[in-house]
């Protein structure tokens, strides 16, 4: 599988999340231009999901230096097996030292990547927290819009009944012979 985000660092992923939110806002505004509340809600949700996805991406790619893990020099365990006369007895310690060096390198990677992932998760959390009041606003606006539509429908229905009654009265008058 091709990793499309392999060239992106933390700042580029942040820009990508903002770009996705702006594109979503523009598309939603063009699609539903009269509902600013739904446009704002949709773009905030896209921003939150983009940041959550970026955090998961960072956590799945901990071993990469893009997140600042290159700040620490990679540890390489020395080989004790090459020491004359006692090297053959020190071979088990070679595995232990390389495991220890790998563990320190992984710790450095996690230590560098966690703040980046935490920043994305914090942004996603704030976006989802902002989405709650926007959801309430969208529900209130939808309720008011539905209430206006029902009132307009009731008015139109009443006008249809009045016009039907007038047409029936005109038919009755036209159908009656004129008495002189």
C-alpha atoms as a PDB file:
ATOM      1  CA  UNK A   1       0.000   0.000   0.000  1.00  0.00           C
ATOM      2  CA  UNK A   2       1.279   3.458  -0.902  1.00  0.00           C
ATOM      3  CA  UNK A   3       1.707   5.942   1.936  1.00  0.00           C
ATOM      4  CA  UNK A   4       0.528   9.263   0.488  1.00  0.00           C
ATOM      5  CA  UNK A   5       1.450  11.188   3.616  1.00  0.00           C
ATOM      6  CA  UNK A   6       5.044   9.957   3.821  1.00  0.00           C
ATOM      7  CA  UNK A   7       6.413  13.381   2.885  1.00  0.00           C
ATOM      8  CA  UNK A   8       4.331  15.282   5.432  1.00  0.00           C
ATOM      9  CA  UNK A   9       5.694  16.419   8.788  1.00  0.00           C
ATOM     10  CA  UNK A  10       3.637  17.693  11.736  1.00  0.00           C
ATOM     11  CA  UNK A  11       3.256  21.205  10.380  1.00  0.00           C
ATOM     12  CA  UNK A  12       2.217  19.946   6.945  1.00  0.00           C
ATOM     13  CA  UNK A  13      -0.403  17.673   8.537  1.00  0.00           C
ATOM     14  CA  UNK A  14      -1.740  20.677  10.471  1.00  0.00           C
ATOM     15  CA  UNK A  15      -1.970  22.651   7.231  1.00  0.00           C
ATOM     16  CA  UNK A  16      -3.687  19.695   5.588  1.00  0.00           C
ATOM     17  CA  UNK A  17      -6.317  19.589   8.352  1.00  0.00           C
ATOM     18  CA  UNK A  18      -6.971  23.320   8.005  1.00  0.00           C
ATOM     19  CA  UNK A  19      -7.120  22.981   4.226  1.00  0.00           C
ATOM     20  CA  UNK A  20      -9.646  20.152   4.472  1.00  0.00           C
ATOM     21  CA  UNK A  21     -11.809  22.287   6.772  1.00  0.00           C
ATOM     22  CA  UNK A  22     -11.654  25.279   4.425  1.00  0.00           C
ATOM     23  CA  UNK A  23     -12.459  23.164   1.356  1.00  0.00           C
ATOM     24  CA  UNK A  24     -15.376  21.575   3.238  1.00  0.00           C
ATOM     25  CA  UNK A  25     -16.655  25.028   4.241  1.00  0.00           C
ATOM     26  CA  UNK A  26     -16.491  26.301   0.658  1.00  0.00           C
ATOM     27  CA  UNK A  27     -18.193  23.195  -0.754  1.00  0.00           C
ATOM     28  CA  UNK A  28     -20.905  23.238   1.904  1.00  0.00           C
ATOM     29  CA  UNK A  29     -21.446  26.966   1.399  1.00  0.00           C
ATOM     30  CA  UNK A  30     -21.884  26.435  -2.337  1.00  0.00           C
ATOM     31  CA  UNK A  31     -24.188  23.477  -1.790  1.00  0.00           C
ATOM     32  CA  UNK A  32     -26.311  24.961   1.027  1.00  0.00           C
ATOM     33  CA  UNK A  33     -25.553  28.658   0.802  1.00  0.00           C
ATOM     34  CA  UNK A  34     -28.557  29.706   2.888  1.00  0.00           C
ATOM     35  CA  UNK A  35     -27.635  27.550   5.914  1.00  0.00           C
ATOM     36  CA  UNK A  36     -24.528  29.086   7.472  1.00  0.00           C
ATOM     37  CA  UNK A  37     -25.082  27.012  10.626  1.00  0.00           C
ATOM     38  CA  UNK A  38     -24.786  23.735   8.722  1.00  0.00           C
ATOM     39  CA  UNK A  39     -21.749  24.998   6.822  1.00  0.00           C
ATOM     40  CA  UNK A  40     -19.986  25.914  10.071  1.00  0.00           C
ATOM     41  CA  UNK A  41     -20.935  22.622  11.702  1.00  0.00           C
ATOM     42  CA  UNK A  42     -19.740  20.572   8.728  1.00  0.00           C
ATOM     43  CA  UNK A  43     -16.412  22.365   8.445  1.00  0.00           C
ATOM     44  CA  UNK A  44     -15.751  22.072  12.205  1.00  0.00           C
ATOM     45  CA  UNK A  45     -16.503  18.343  12.067  1.00  0.00           C
ATOM     46  CA  UNK A  46     -14.211  17.869   9.065  1.00  0.00           C
ATOM     47  CA  UNK A  47     -11.468  19.749  10.936  1.00  0.00           C
ATOM     48  CA  UNK A  48     -11.953  17.540  13.993  1.00  0.00           C
ATOM     49  CA  UNK A  49     -11.898  14.311  12.017  1.00  0.00           C
ATOM     50  CA  UNK A  50      -8.854  15.431  10.004  1.00  0.00           C
ATOM     51  CA  UNK A  51      -6.952  16.147  13.217  1.00  0.00           C
ATOM     52  CA  UNK A  52      -8.004  12.831  14.750  1.00  0.00           C
ATOM     53  CA  UNK A  53      -6.830  10.994  11.634  1.00  0.00           C
ATOM     54  CA  UNK A  54      -3.527  12.903  11.719  1.00  0.00           C
ATOM     55  CA  UNK A  55      -3.023  11.887  15.373  1.00  0.00           C
ATOM     56  CA  UNK A  56      -3.651   8.231  14.542  1.00  0.00           C
ATOM     57  CA  UNK A  57      -1.286   8.499  11.576  1.00  0.00           C
ATOM     58  CA  UNK A  58       1.464   9.899  13.811  1.00  0.00           C
ATOM     59  CA  UNK A  59       0.915   7.129  16.356  1.00  0.00           C
ATOM     60  CA  UNK A  60       1.109   4.461  13.646  1.00  0.00           C
ATOM     61  CA  UNK A  61       4.382   5.926  12.342  1.00  0.00           C
ATOM     62  CA  UNK A  62       6.275   6.462  15.596  1.00  0.00           C
ATOM     63  CA  UNK A  63       9.633   5.276  14.308  1.00  0.00           C
ATOM     64  CA  UNK A  64       9.971   7.992  11.717  1.00  0.00           C
ATOM     65  CA  UNK A  65      12.108  11.049  12.268  1.00  0.00           C
ATOM     66  CA  UNK A  66       9.469  13.437  10.900  1.00  0.00           C
ATOM     67  CA  UNK A  67       8.072  13.982  14.383  1.00  0.00           C
ATOM     68  CA  UNK A  68      11.369  15.126  15.882  1.00  0.00           C
ATOM     69  CA  UNK A  69      12.906  11.762  16.768  1.00  0.00           C
ATOM     70  CA  UNK A  70      16.015  12.705  14.788  1.00  0.00           C
ATOM     71  CA  UNK A  71      16.924  15.238  17.483  1.00  0.00           C
ATOM     72  CA  UNK A  72      18.470  12.397  19.468  1.00  0.00           C
ATOM     73  CA  UNK A  73      21.288  10.479  17.882  1.00  0.00           C
ATOM     74  CA  UNK A  74      20.419   6.840  17.251  1.00  0.00           C
ATOM     75  CA  UNK A  75      22.136   4.502  19.679  1.00  0.00           C
ATOM     76  CA  UNK A  76      24.077   1.577  18.247  1.00  0.00           C
ATOM     77  CA  UNK A  77      25.315  -1.085  20.617  1.00  0.00           C
ATOM     78  CA  UNK A  78      28.983  -1.981  20.282  1.00  0.00           C
ATOM     79  CA  UNK A  79      29.795  -5.548  19.362  1.00  0.00           C
ATOM     80  CA  UNK A  80      31.626  -7.364  22.110  1.00  0.00           C
ATOM     81  CA  UNK A  81      32.004 -10.552  20.079  1.00  0.00           C
ATOM     82  CA  UNK A  82      35.044  -9.143  18.287  1.00  0.00           C
ATOM     83  CA  UNK A  83      37.148  -8.842  21.444  1.00  0.00           C
ATOM     84  CA  UNK A  84      40.077 -11.256  21.284  1.00  0.00           C
ATOM     85  CA  UNK A  85      40.035 -14.281  23.612  1.00  0.00           C
ATOM     86  CA  UNK A  86      36.857 -13.384  25.576  1.00  0.00           C
ATOM     87  CA  UNK A  87      34.612 -12.260  22.679  1.00  0.00           C
ATOM     88  CA  UNK A  88      32.979 -15.649  22.268  1.00  0.00           C
ATOM     89  CA  UNK A  89      31.874 -15.569  25.898  1.00  0.00           C
ATOM     90  CA  UNK A  90      30.392 -12.069  25.550  1.00  0.00           C
ATOM     91  CA  UNK A  91      28.109 -12.890  22.579  1.00  0.00           C
ATOM     92  CA  UNK A  92      24.978 -13.207  24.794  1.00  0.00           C
ATOM     93  CA  UNK A  93      25.646  -9.687  26.087  1.00  0.00           C
ATOM     94  CA  UNK A  94      25.660  -8.399  22.474  1.00  0.00           C
ATOM     95  CA  UNK A  95      21.973  -9.297  22.102  1.00  0.00           C
ATOM     96  CA  UNK A  96      21.158  -7.648  25.416  1.00  0.00           C
ATOM     97  CA  UNK A  97      23.008  -4.440  24.506  1.00  0.00           C
ATOM     98  CA  UNK A  98      21.404  -4.199  21.079  1.00  0.00           C
ATOM     99  CA  UNK A  99      17.971  -4.797  22.597  1.00  0.00           C
ATOM    100  CA  UNK A 100      18.679  -2.056  25.131  1.00  0.00           C
ATOM    101  CA  UNK A 101      19.828   0.353  22.392  1.00  0.00           C
ATOM    102  CA  UNK A 102      16.725  -0.428  20.310  1.00  0.00           C
ATOM    103  CA  UNK A 103      14.542   0.175  23.353  1.00  0.00           C
ATOM    104  CA  UNK A 104      16.147   3.565  24.006  1.00  0.00           C
ATOM    105  CA  UNK A 105      15.726   4.490  20.316  1.00  0.00           C
ATOM    106  CA  UNK A 106      12.039   3.520  20.407  1.00  0.00           C
ATOM    107  CA  UNK A 107      11.568   5.496  23.623  1.00  0.00           C
ATOM    108  CA  UNK A 108      13.112   8.549  21.956  1.00  0.00           C
ATOM    109  CA  UNK A 109      10.773   8.106  18.970  1.00  0.00           C
ATOM    110  CA  UNK A 110       7.717   7.860  21.229  1.00  0.00           C
ATOM    111  CA  UNK A 111       8.919  10.787  23.317  1.00  0.00           C
ATOM    112  CA  UNK A 112       9.221  12.908  20.160  1.00  0.00           C
ATOM    113  CA  UNK A 113       5.954  11.759  18.528  1.00  0.00           C
ATOM    114  CA  UNK A 114       3.605  11.973  21.519  1.00  0.00           C
ATOM    115  CA  UNK A 115       3.544  15.791  21.691  1.00  0.00           C
ATOM    116  CA  UNK A 116       2.772  15.945  17.975  1.00  0.00           C
ATOM    117  CA  UNK A 117      -0.034  13.381  18.284  1.00  0.00           C
ATOM    118  CA  UNK A 118      -1.244  15.090  21.456  1.00  0.00           C
ATOM    119  CA  UNK A 119      -1.462  18.402  19.625  1.00  0.00           C
ATOM    120  CA  UNK A 120      -3.614  16.830  16.922  1.00  0.00           C
ATOM    121  CA  UNK A 121      -5.823  15.151  19.525  1.00  0.00           C
ATOM    122  CA  UNK A 122      -6.203  18.447  21.406  1.00  0.00           C
ATOM    123  CA  UNK A 123      -7.235  20.224  18.196  1.00  0.00           C
ATOM    124  CA  UNK A 124      -9.708  17.447  17.438  1.00  0.00           C
ATOM    125  CA  UNK A 125     -11.099  17.673  20.959  1.00  0.00           C
ATOM    126  CA  UNK A 126     -11.600  21.422  20.713  1.00  0.00           C
ATOM    127  CA  UNK A 127     -13.259  21.021  17.328  1.00  0.00           C
ATOM    128  CA  UNK A 128     -15.657  18.385  18.644  1.00  0.00           C
ATOM    129  CA  UNK A 129     -16.362  20.534  21.720  1.00  0.00           C
ATOM    130  CA  UNK A 130     -17.186  23.452  19.409  1.00  0.00           C
ATOM    131  CA  UNK A 131     -19.400  21.172  17.320  1.00  0.00           C
ATOM    132  CA  UNK A 132     -21.790  20.589  20.250  1.00  0.00           C
ATOM    133  CA  UNK A 133     -23.105  24.174  20.463  1.00  0.00           C
ATOM    134  CA  UNK A 134     -23.070  24.405  16.671  1.00  0.00           C
ATOM    135  CA  UNK A 135     -25.263  21.280  16.622  1.00  0.00           C
ATOM    136  CA  UNK A 136     -27.692  22.929  19.037  1.00  0.00           C
ATOM    137  CA  UNK A 137     -27.781  26.076  16.892  1.00  0.00           C
ATOM    138  CA  UNK A 138     -28.404  23.979  13.758  1.00  0.00           C
ATOM    139  CA  UNK A 139     -31.236  22.123  15.493  1.00  0.00           C
ATOM    140  CA  UNK A 140     -32.881  25.376  16.644  1.00  0.00           C
ATOM    141  CA  UNK A 141     -32.576  26.921  13.173  1.00  0.00           C
ATOM    142  CA  UNK A 142     -34.030  23.744  11.620  1.00  0.00           C
ATOM    143  CA  UNK A 143     -36.909  23.803  14.106  1.00  0.00           C
ATOM    144  CA  UNK A 144     -37.708  27.454  13.351  1.00  0.00           C
ATOM    145  CA  UNK A 145     -37.488  26.805   9.601  1.00  0.00           C
ATOM    146  CA  UNK A 146     -39.831  23.816   9.867  1.00  0.00           C
ATOM    147  CA  UNK A 147     -42.258  25.841  11.987  1.00  0.00           C
ATOM    148  CA  UNK A 148     -42.317  28.603   9.318  1.00  0.00           C
ATOM    149  CA  UNK A 149     -42.872  26.048   6.556  1.00  0.00           C
ATOM    150  CA  UNK A 150     -45.791  24.495   8.417  1.00  0.00           C
ATOM    151  CA  UNK A 151     -47.395  27.905   8.953  1.00  0.00           C
ATOM    152  CA  UNK A 152     -46.926  28.732   5.254  1.00  0.00           C
ATOM    153  CA  UNK A 153     -48.386  25.346   4.274  1.00  0.00           C
ATOM    154  CA  UNK A 154     -51.380  25.914   6.546  1.00  0.00           C
ATOM    155  CA  UNK A 155     -51.910  29.378   4.989  1.00  0.00           C
ATOM    156  CA  UNK A 156     -51.723  27.942   1.462  1.00  0.00           C
ATOM    157  CA  UNK A 157     -54.077  25.094   2.383  1.00  0.00           C
ATOM    158  CA  UNK A 158     -56.566  27.595   3.807  1.00  0.00           C
ATOM    159  CA  UNK A 159     -56.345  29.725   0.629  1.00  0.00           C
ATOM    160  CA  UNK A 160     -56.961  26.612  -1.495  1.00  0.00           C
ATOM    161  CA  UNK A 161     -60.069  25.791   0.552  1.00  0.00           C
ATOM    162  CA  UNK A 162     -61.335  29.394   0.178  1.00  0.00           C
ATOM    163  CA  UNK A 163     -60.693  29.389  -3.572  1.00  0.00           C
ATOM    164  CA  UNK A 164     -62.378  25.992  -3.908  1.00  0.00           C
ATOM    165  CA  UNK A 165     -65.409  27.380  -2.102  1.00  0.00           C
ATOM    166  CA  UNK A 166     -65.456  30.462  -4.384  1.00  0.00           C
ATOM    167  CA  UNK A 167     -65.205  28.264  -7.496  1.00  0.00           C
ATOM    168  CA  UNK A 168     -68.070  26.120  -6.218  1.00  0.00           C
ATOM    169  CA  UNK A 169     -70.123  29.283  -5.596  1.00  0.00           C
ATOM    170  CA  UNK A 170     -69.320  30.556  -9.132  1.00  0.00           C
ATOM    171  CA  UNK A 171     -70.353  27.208 -10.613  1.00  0.00           C
ATOM    172  CA  UNK A 172     -73.587  27.344  -8.704  1.00  0.00           C
ATOM    173  CA  UNK A 173     -74.273  30.899  -9.876  1.00  0.00           C
ATOM    174  CA  UNK A 174     -73.382  30.165 -13.494  1.00  0.00           C
ATOM    175  CA  UNK A 175     -75.447  26.993 -13.530  1.00  0.00           C
ATOM    176  CA  UNK A 176     -78.611  28.718 -12.237  1.00  0.00           C
ATOM    177  CA  UNK A 177     -80.950  30.204 -14.844  1.00  0.00           C
ATOM    178  CA  UNK A 178     -81.329  33.934 -14.532  1.00  0.00           C
ATOM    179  CA  UNK A 179     -84.741  34.831 -13.203  1.00  0.00           C
ATOM    180  CA  UNK A 180     -86.292  38.010 -14.430  1.00  0.00           C
END
